[in-house]
């Protein structure tokens, strides 16, 4: 039974190392590609918009669920 922990830790380490290798390789390849500034700004704004939209959806879901469960959400 002691080998299970060692096997899982080894597998986790291998997955982590492989993920870091591919992340570094991807960033290096993107640097070589040489994207222009407009594309980077457009992609960044899309990510920010998606994040804000998802944040609002989670907030609405949380407050809707709290109301459905009968929690009092009014301010004093």
PDB file of N, CA and C in Angstrom:
ATOM      1  N   UNK A   1       0.814  -1.186   0.000  1.00  0.00           N
ATOM      2  CA  UNK A   1       0.000   0.000   0.000  1.00  0.00           C
ATOM      3  C   UNK A   1       0.864   1.260   0.000  1.00  0.00           C
ATOM      4  N   UNK A   2       2.086   1.169   0.453  1.00  0.00           N
ATOM      5  CA  UNK A   2       2.954   2.340   0.498  1.00  0.00           C
ATOM      6  C   UNK A   2       3.368   2.804  -0.894  1.00  0.00           C
ATOM      7  N   UNK A   3       3.359   1.908  -1.859  1.00  0.00           N
ATOM      8  CA  UNK A   3       3.811   2.272  -3.207  1.00  0.00           C
ATOM      9  C   UNK A   3       2.788   3.130  -3.935  1.00  0.00           C
ATOM     10  N   UNK A   4       1.523   3.107  -3.497  1.00  0.00           N
ATOM     11  CA  UNK A   4       0.476   3.882  -4.178  1.00  0.00           C
ATOM     12  C   UNK A   4       0.784   5.366  -4.071  1.00  0.00           C
ATOM     13  N   UNK A   5       1.141   5.826  -2.892  1.00  0.00           N
ATOM     14  CA  UNK A   5       1.472   7.239  -2.692  1.00  0.00           C
ATOM     15  C   UNK A   5       2.674   7.637  -3.544  1.00  0.00           C
ATOM     16  N   UNK A   6       3.671   6.789  -3.594  1.00  0.00           N
ATOM     17  CA  UNK A   6       4.859   7.078  -4.400  1.00  0.00           C
ATOM     18  C   UNK A   6       4.505   7.128  -5.880  1.00  0.00           C
ATOM     19  N   UNK A   7       3.670   6.202  -6.343  1.00  0.00           N
ATOM     20  CA  UNK A   7       3.277   6.176  -7.756  1.00  0.00           C
ATOM     21  C   UNK A   7       2.467   7.416  -8.117  1.00  0.00           C
ATOM     22  N   UNK A   8       1.523   7.804  -7.258  1.00  0.00           N
ATOM     23  CA  UNK A   8       0.721   8.995  -7.540  1.00  0.00           C
ATOM     24  C   UNK A   8       1.576  10.256  -7.539  1.00  0.00           C
ATOM     25  N   UNK A   9       2.481  10.379  -6.598  1.00  0.00           N
ATOM     26  CA  UNK A   9       3.357  11.550  -6.543  1.00  0.00           C
ATOM     27  C   UNK A   9       4.265  11.596  -7.773  1.00  0.00           C
ATOM     28  N   UNK A  10       4.766  10.453  -8.189  1.00  0.00           N
ATOM     29  CA  UNK A  10       5.608  10.399  -9.380  1.00  0.00           C
ATOM     30  C   UNK A  10       4.817  10.794 -10.624  1.00  0.00           C
ATOM     31  N   UNK A  11       3.595  10.285 -10.751  1.00  0.00           N
ATOM     32  CA  UNK A  11       2.735  10.627 -11.888  1.00  0.00           C
ATOM     33  C   UNK A  11       2.420  12.120 -11.898  1.00  0.00           C
ATOM     34  N   UNK A  12       2.111  12.684 -10.741  1.00  0.00           N
ATOM     35  CA  UNK A  12       1.816  14.110 -10.637  1.00  0.00           C
ATOM     36  C   UNK A  12       3.039  14.931 -11.049  1.00  0.00           C
ATOM     37  N   UNK A  13       4.202  14.519 -10.622  1.00  0.00           N
ATOM     38  CA  UNK A  13       5.416  15.220 -10.997  1.00  0.00           C
ATOM     39  C   UNK A  13       5.685  15.151 -12.492  1.00  0.00           C
ATOM     40  N   UNK A  14       5.475  13.983 -13.088  1.00  0.00           N
ATOM     41  CA  UNK A  14       5.678  13.836 -14.533  1.00  0.00           C
ATOM     42  C   UNK A  14       4.697  14.696 -15.326  1.00  0.00           C
ATOM     43  N   UNK A  15       3.448  14.729 -14.903  1.00  0.00           N
ATOM     44  CA  UNK A  15       2.453  15.562 -15.584  1.00  0.00           C
ATOM     45  C   UNK A  15       2.822  17.040 -15.460  1.00  0.00           C
ATOM     46  N   UNK A  16       3.260  17.441 -14.279  1.00  0.00           N
ATOM     47  CA  UNK A  16       3.660  18.826 -14.059  1.00  0.00           C
ATOM     48  C   UNK A  16       4.854  19.205 -14.944  1.00  0.00           C
ATOM     49  N   UNK A  17       5.852  18.352 -15.011  1.00  0.00           N
ATOM     50  CA  UNK A  17       7.037  18.626 -15.829  1.00  0.00           C
ATOM     51  C   UNK A  17       6.670  18.695 -17.310  1.00  0.00           C
ATOM     52  N   UNK A  18       5.820  17.772 -17.769  1.00  0.00           N
ATOM     53  CA  UNK A  18       5.400  17.789 -19.176  1.00  0.00           C
ATOM     54  C   UNK A  18       4.606  19.053 -19.485  1.00  0.00           C
ATOM     55  N   UNK A  19       3.720  19.438 -18.578  1.00  0.00           N
ATOM     56  CA  UNK A  19       2.936  20.661 -18.782  1.00  0.00           C
ATOM     57  C   UNK A  19       3.813  21.899 -18.844  1.00  0.00           C
ATOM     58  N   UNK A  20       4.785  21.981 -17.979  1.00  0.00           N
ATOM     59  CA  UNK A  20       5.692  23.132 -17.987  1.00  0.00           C
ATOM     60  C   UNK A  20       6.530  23.148 -19.262  1.00  0.00           C
ATOM     61  N   UNK A  21       6.951  21.976 -19.724  1.00  0.00           N
ATOM     62  CA  UNK A  21       7.731  21.912 -20.955  1.00  0.00           C
ATOM     63  C   UNK A  21       6.922  22.450 -22.129  1.00  0.00           C
ATOM     64  N   UNK A  22       5.672  21.996 -22.259  1.00  0.00           N
ATOM     65  CA  UNK A  22       4.857  22.453 -23.376  1.00  0.00           C
ATOM     66  C   UNK A  22       4.469  23.925 -23.236  1.00  0.00           C
ATOM     67  N   UNK A  23       4.286  24.416 -22.018  1.00  0.00           N
ATOM     68  CA  UNK A  23       3.968  25.828 -21.822  1.00  0.00           C
ATOM     69  C   UNK A  23       5.147  26.712 -22.243  1.00  0.00           C
ATOM     70  N   UNK A  24       6.350  26.328 -21.833  1.00  0.00           N
ATOM     71  CA  UNK A  24       7.533  27.104 -22.205  1.00  0.00           C
ATOM     72  C   UNK A  24       7.754  27.044 -23.710  1.00  0.00           C
ATOM     73  N   UNK A  25       7.570  25.873 -24.295  1.00  0.00           N
ATOM     74  CA  UNK A  25       7.732  25.723 -25.742  1.00  0.00           C
ATOM     75  C   UNK A  25       6.721  26.575 -26.491  1.00  0.00           C
ATOM     76  N   UNK A  26       5.459  26.595 -26.039  1.00  0.00           N
ATOM     77  CA  UNK A  26       4.423  27.390 -26.701  1.00  0.00           C
ATOM     78  C   UNK A  26       4.753  28.873 -26.637  1.00  0.00           C
ATOM     79  N   UNK A  27       5.198  29.353 -25.458  1.00  0.00           N
ATOM     80  CA  UNK A  27       5.538  30.767 -25.330  1.00  0.00           C
ATOM     81  C   UNK A  27       6.737  31.116 -26.212  1.00  0.00           C
ATOM     82  N   UNK A  28       7.704  30.236 -26.285  1.00  0.00           N
ATOM     83  CA  UNK A  28       8.863  30.474 -27.134  1.00  0.00           C
ATOM     84  C   UNK A  28       8.443  30.534 -28.604  1.00  0.00           C
ATOM     85  N   UNK A  29       7.564  29.631 -29.030  1.00  0.00           N
ATOM     86  CA  UNK A  29       7.086  29.638 -30.417  1.00  0.00           C
ATOM     87  C   UNK A  29       6.268  30.890 -30.715  1.00  0.00           C
ATOM     88  N   UNK A  30       5.498  31.367 -29.740  1.00  0.00           N
ATOM     89  CA  UNK A  30       4.710  32.581 -29.953  1.00  0.00           C
ATOM     90  C   UNK A  30       5.613  33.801 -30.109  1.00  0.00           C
ATOM     91  N   UNK A  31       6.711  33.804 -29.378  1.00  0.00           N
ATOM     92  CA  UNK A  31       7.657  34.915 -29.497  1.00  0.00           C
ATOM     93  C   UNK A  31       8.299  34.925 -30.881  1.00  0.00           C
ATOM     94  N   UNK A  32       8.592  33.754 -31.405  1.00  0.00           N
ATOM     95  CA  UNK A  32       9.190  33.662 -32.733  1.00  0.00           C
ATOM     96  C   UNK A  32       8.203  34.063 -33.826  1.00  0.00           C
ATOM     97  N   UNK A  33       6.912  33.824 -33.571  1.00  0.00           N
ATOM     98  CA  UNK A  33       5.897  34.144 -34.561  1.00  0.00           C
ATOM     99  C   UNK A  33       5.795  35.662 -34.765  1.00  0.00           C
ATOM    100  N   UNK A  34       5.946  36.434 -33.695  1.00  0.00           N
ATOM    101  CA  UNK A  34       5.954  37.889 -33.793  1.00  0.00           C
ATOM    102  C   UNK A  34       4.594  38.498 -34.103  1.00  0.00           C
ATOM    103  N   UNK A  35       3.650  38.343 -33.200  1.00  0.00           N
ATOM    104  CA  UNK A  35       2.331  38.932 -33.402  1.00  0.00           C
ATOM    105  C   UNK A  35       2.403  40.436 -33.204  1.00  0.00           C
ATOM    106  N   UNK A  36       1.526  41.150 -33.899  1.00  0.00           N
ATOM    107  CA  UNK A  36       1.533  42.598 -33.784  1.00  0.00           C
ATOM    108  C   UNK A  36       0.768  43.052 -32.543  1.00  0.00           C
ATOM    109  N   UNK A  37       0.926  44.308 -32.221  1.00  0.00           N
ATOM    110  CA  UNK A  37       0.381  44.865 -30.981  1.00  0.00           C
ATOM    111  C   UNK A  37      -1.153  44.893 -30.995  1.00  0.00           C
ATOM    112  N   UNK A  38      -1.751  45.170 -32.151  1.00  0.00           N
ATOM    113  CA  UNK A  38      -3.216  45.226 -32.237  1.00  0.00           C
ATOM    114  C   UNK A  38      -3.846  43.879 -31.904  1.00  0.00           C
ATOM    115  N   UNK A  39      -3.254  42.831 -32.400  1.00  0.00           N
ATOM    116  CA  UNK A  39      -3.780  41.496 -32.133  1.00  0.00           C
ATOM    117  C   UNK A  39      -3.706  41.174 -30.646  1.00  0.00           C
ATOM    118  N   UNK A  40      -2.603  41.545 -30.007  1.00  0.00           N
ATOM    119  CA  UNK A  40      -2.461  41.294 -28.580  1.00  0.00           C
ATOM    120  C   UNK A  40      -3.484  42.073 -27.773  1.00  0.00           C
ATOM    121  N   UNK A  41      -3.716  43.332 -28.133  1.00  0.00           N
ATOM    122  CA  UNK A  41      -4.696  44.150 -27.420  1.00  0.00           C
ATOM    123  C   UNK A  41      -6.103  43.585 -27.626  1.00  0.00           C
ATOM    124  N   UNK A  42      -6.411  43.161 -28.849  1.00  0.00           N
ATOM    125  CA  UNK A  42      -7.727  42.592 -29.139  1.00  0.00           C
ATOM    126  C   UNK A  42      -7.944  41.303 -28.349  1.00  0.00           C
ATOM    127  N   UNK A  43      -6.938  40.439 -28.316  1.00  0.00           N
ATOM    128  CA  UNK A  43      -7.065  39.196 -27.555  1.00  0.00           C
ATOM    129  C   UNK A  43      -7.202  39.480 -26.060  1.00  0.00           C
ATOM    130  N   UNK A  44      -6.428  40.434 -25.560  1.00  0.00           N
ATOM    131  CA  UNK A  44      -6.512  40.792 -24.143  1.00  0.00           C
ATOM    132  C   UNK A  44      -7.875  41.337 -23.777  1.00  0.00           C
ATOM    133  N   UNK A  45      -8.433  42.169 -24.645  1.00  0.00           N
ATOM    134  CA  UNK A  45      -9.753  42.730 -24.357  1.00  0.00           C
ATOM    135  C   UNK A  45     -10.823  41.640 -24.407  1.00  0.00           C
ATOM    136  N   UNK A  46     -10.682  40.668 -25.296  1.00  0.00           N
ATOM    137  CA  UNK A  46     -11.639  39.551 -25.334  1.00  0.00           C
ATOM    138  C   UNK A  46     -11.567  38.736 -24.047  1.00  0.00           C
ATOM    139  N   UNK A  47     -10.359  38.487 -23.556  1.00  0.00           N
ATOM    140  CA  UNK A  47     -10.221  37.733 -22.316  1.00  0.00           C
ATOM    141  C   UNK A  47     -10.813  38.490 -21.131  1.00  0.00           C
ATOM    142  N   UNK A  48     -10.583  39.796 -21.079  1.00  0.00           N
ATOM    143  CA  UNK A  48     -11.137  40.601 -19.990  1.00  0.00           C
ATOM    144  C   UNK A  48     -12.661  40.609 -20.062  1.00  0.00           C
ATOM    145  N   UNK A  49     -13.218  40.770 -21.273  1.00  0.00           N
ATOM    146  CA  UNK A  49     -14.672  40.771 -21.430  1.00  0.00           C
ATOM    147  C   UNK A  49     -15.265  39.421 -21.027  1.00  0.00           C
ATOM    148  N   UNK A  50     -14.632  38.329 -21.423  1.00  0.00           N
ATOM    149  CA  UNK A  50     -15.122  37.001 -21.058  1.00  0.00           C
ATOM    150  C   UNK A  50     -15.052  36.792 -19.547  1.00  0.00           C
ATOM    151  N   UNK A  51     -13.982  37.260 -18.920  1.00  0.00           N
ATOM    152  CA  UNK A  51     -13.828  37.120 -17.479  1.00  0.00           C
ATOM    153  C   UNK A  51     -14.907  37.895 -16.736  1.00  0.00           C
ATOM    154  N   UNK A  52     -15.158  39.130 -17.172  1.00  0.00           N
ATOM    155  CA  UNK A  52     -16.173  39.951 -16.516  1.00  0.00           C
ATOM    156  C   UNK A  52     -17.556  39.332 -16.708  1.00  0.00           C
ATOM    157  N   UNK A  53     -17.847  38.843 -17.906  1.00  0.00           N
ATOM    158  CA  UNK A  53     -19.129  38.198 -18.160  1.00  0.00           C
ATOM    159  C   UNK A  53     -19.315  36.967 -17.290  1.00  0.00           C
ATOM    160  N   UNK A  54     -18.294  36.123 -17.198  1.00  0.00           N
ATOM    161  CA  UNK A  54     -18.387  34.939 -16.347  1.00  0.00           C
ATOM    162  C   UNK A  54     -18.517  35.306 -14.873  1.00  0.00           C
ATOM    163  N   UNK A  55     -17.829  36.362 -14.454  1.00  0.00           N
ATOM    164  CA  UNK A  55     -17.933  36.817 -13.072  1.00  0.00           C
ATOM    165  C   UNK A  55     -19.355  37.274 -12.764  1.00  0.00           C
ATOM    166  N   UNK A  56     -19.977  38.009 -13.687  1.00  0.00           N
ATOM    167  CA  UNK A  56     -21.355  38.441 -13.486  1.00  0.00           C
ATOM    168  C   UNK A  56     -22.322  37.258 -13.456  1.00  0.00           C
ATOM    169  N   UNK A  57     -22.095  36.280 -14.320  1.00  0.00           N
ATOM    170  CA  UNK A  57     -22.953  35.093 -14.320  1.00  0.00           C
ATOM    171  C   UNK A  57     -22.846  34.319 -13.005  1.00  0.00           C
ATOM    172  N   UNK A  58     -21.647  34.166 -12.493  1.00  0.00           N
ATOM    173  CA  UNK A  58     -21.471  33.475 -11.215  1.00  0.00           C
ATOM    174  C   UNK A  58     -22.124  34.263 -10.093  1.00  0.00           C
ATOM    175  N   UNK A  59     -22.002  35.587 -10.132  1.00  0.00           N
ATOM    176  CA  UNK A  59     -22.608  36.435  -9.114  1.00  0.00           C
ATOM    177  C   UNK A  59     -24.131  36.323  -9.151  1.00  0.00           C
ATOM    178  N   UNK A  60     -24.713  36.390 -10.354  1.00  0.00           N
ATOM    179  CA  UNK A  60     -26.164  36.267 -10.482  1.00  0.00           C
ATOM    180  C   UNK A  60     -26.642  34.886 -10.038  1.00  0.00           C
ATOM    181  N   UNK A  61     -25.909  33.859 -10.405  1.00  0.00           N
ATOM    182  CA  UNK A  61     -26.270  32.508  -9.980  1.00  0.00           C
ATOM    183  C   UNK A  61     -26.226  32.374  -8.459  1.00  0.00           C
ATOM    184  N   UNK A  62     -25.206  32.945  -7.834  1.00  0.00           N
ATOM    185  CA  UNK A  62     -25.060  32.859  -6.385  1.00  0.00           C
ATOM    186  C   UNK A  62     -26.202  33.567  -5.681  1.00  0.00           C
ATOM    187  N   UNK A  63     -26.521  34.790  -6.132  1.00  0.00           N
ATOM    188  CA  UNK A  63     -27.604  35.522  -5.494  1.00  0.00           C
ATOM    189  C   UNK A  63     -28.954  34.876  -5.768  1.00  0.00           C
ATOM    190  N   UNK A  64     -29.145  34.330  -6.961  1.00  0.00           N
ATOM    191  CA  UNK A  64     -30.390  33.626  -7.263  1.00  0.00           C
ATOM    192  C   UNK A  64     -30.562  32.396  -6.397  1.00  0.00           C
ATOM    193  N   UNK A  65     -29.499  31.637  -6.224  1.00  0.00           N
ATOM    194  CA  UNK A  65     -29.550  30.447  -5.379  1.00  0.00           C
ATOM    195  C   UNK A  65     -29.797  30.827  -3.922  1.00  0.00           C
ATOM    196  N   UNK A  66     -29.160  31.904  -3.461  1.00  0.00           N
ATOM    197  CA  UNK A  66     -29.352  32.343  -2.074  1.00  0.00           C
ATOM    198  C   UNK A  66     -30.799  32.784  -1.849  1.00  0.00           C
ATOM    199  N   UNK A  67     -31.375  33.498  -2.804  1.00  0.00           N
ATOM    200  CA  UNK A  67     -32.777  33.907  -2.677  1.00  0.00           C
ATOM    201  C   UNK A  67     -33.705  32.701  -2.695  1.00  0.00           C
ATOM    202  N   UNK A  68     -33.396  31.737  -3.568  1.00  0.00           N
ATOM    203  CA  UNK A  68     -34.225  30.554  -3.673  1.00  0.00           C
ATOM    204  C   UNK A  68     -34.201  29.758  -2.367  1.00  0.00           C
ATOM    205  N   UNK A  69     -33.079  29.775  -1.670  1.00  0.00           N
ATOM    206  CA  UNK A  69     -32.966  29.067  -0.402  1.00  0.00           C
ATOM    207  C   UNK A  69     -33.526  29.866   0.769  1.00  0.00           C
ATOM    208  N   UNK A  70     -33.985  31.104   0.502  1.00  0.00           N
ATOM    209  CA  UNK A  70     -34.627  31.902   1.547  1.00  0.00           C
ATOM    210  C   UNK A  70     -33.680  32.732   2.375  1.00  0.00           C
ATOM    211  N   UNK A  71     -32.487  32.973   1.905  1.00  0.00           N
ATOM    212  CA  UNK A  71     -31.541  33.797   2.648  1.00  0.00           C
ATOM    213  C   UNK A  71     -31.892  35.264   2.484  1.00  0.00           C
ATOM    214  N   UNK A  72     -31.692  36.048   3.535  1.00  0.00           N
ATOM    215  CA  UNK A  72     -31.960  37.483   3.496  1.00  0.00           C
ATOM    216  C   UNK A  72     -30.708  38.192   3.013  1.00  0.00           C
ATOM    217  N   UNK A  73     -30.762  38.817   1.840  1.00  0.00           N
ATOM    218  CA  UNK A  73     -29.589  39.462   1.262  1.00  0.00           C
ATOM    219  C   UNK A  73     -29.679  40.981   1.313  1.00  0.00           C
ATOM    220  N   UNK A  74     -30.659  41.525   2.040  1.00  0.00           N
ATOM    221  CA  UNK A  74     -30.814  42.976   2.101  1.00  0.00           C
ATOM    222  C   UNK A  74     -29.760  43.582   3.028  1.00  0.00           C
ATOM    223  N   UNK A  75     -29.361  44.790   2.686  1.00  0.00           N
ATOM    224  CA  UNK A  75     -28.384  45.494   3.516  1.00  0.00           C
ATOM    225  C   UNK A  75     -29.099  46.143   4.696  1.00  0.00           C
ATOM    226  N   UNK A  76     -28.422  46.281   5.828  1.00  0.00           N
ATOM    227  CA  UNK A  76     -29.079  46.865   7.024  1.00  0.00           C
ATOM    228  C   UNK A  76     -29.444  48.316   6.850  1.00  0.00           C
TER     229      UNK A  76
END
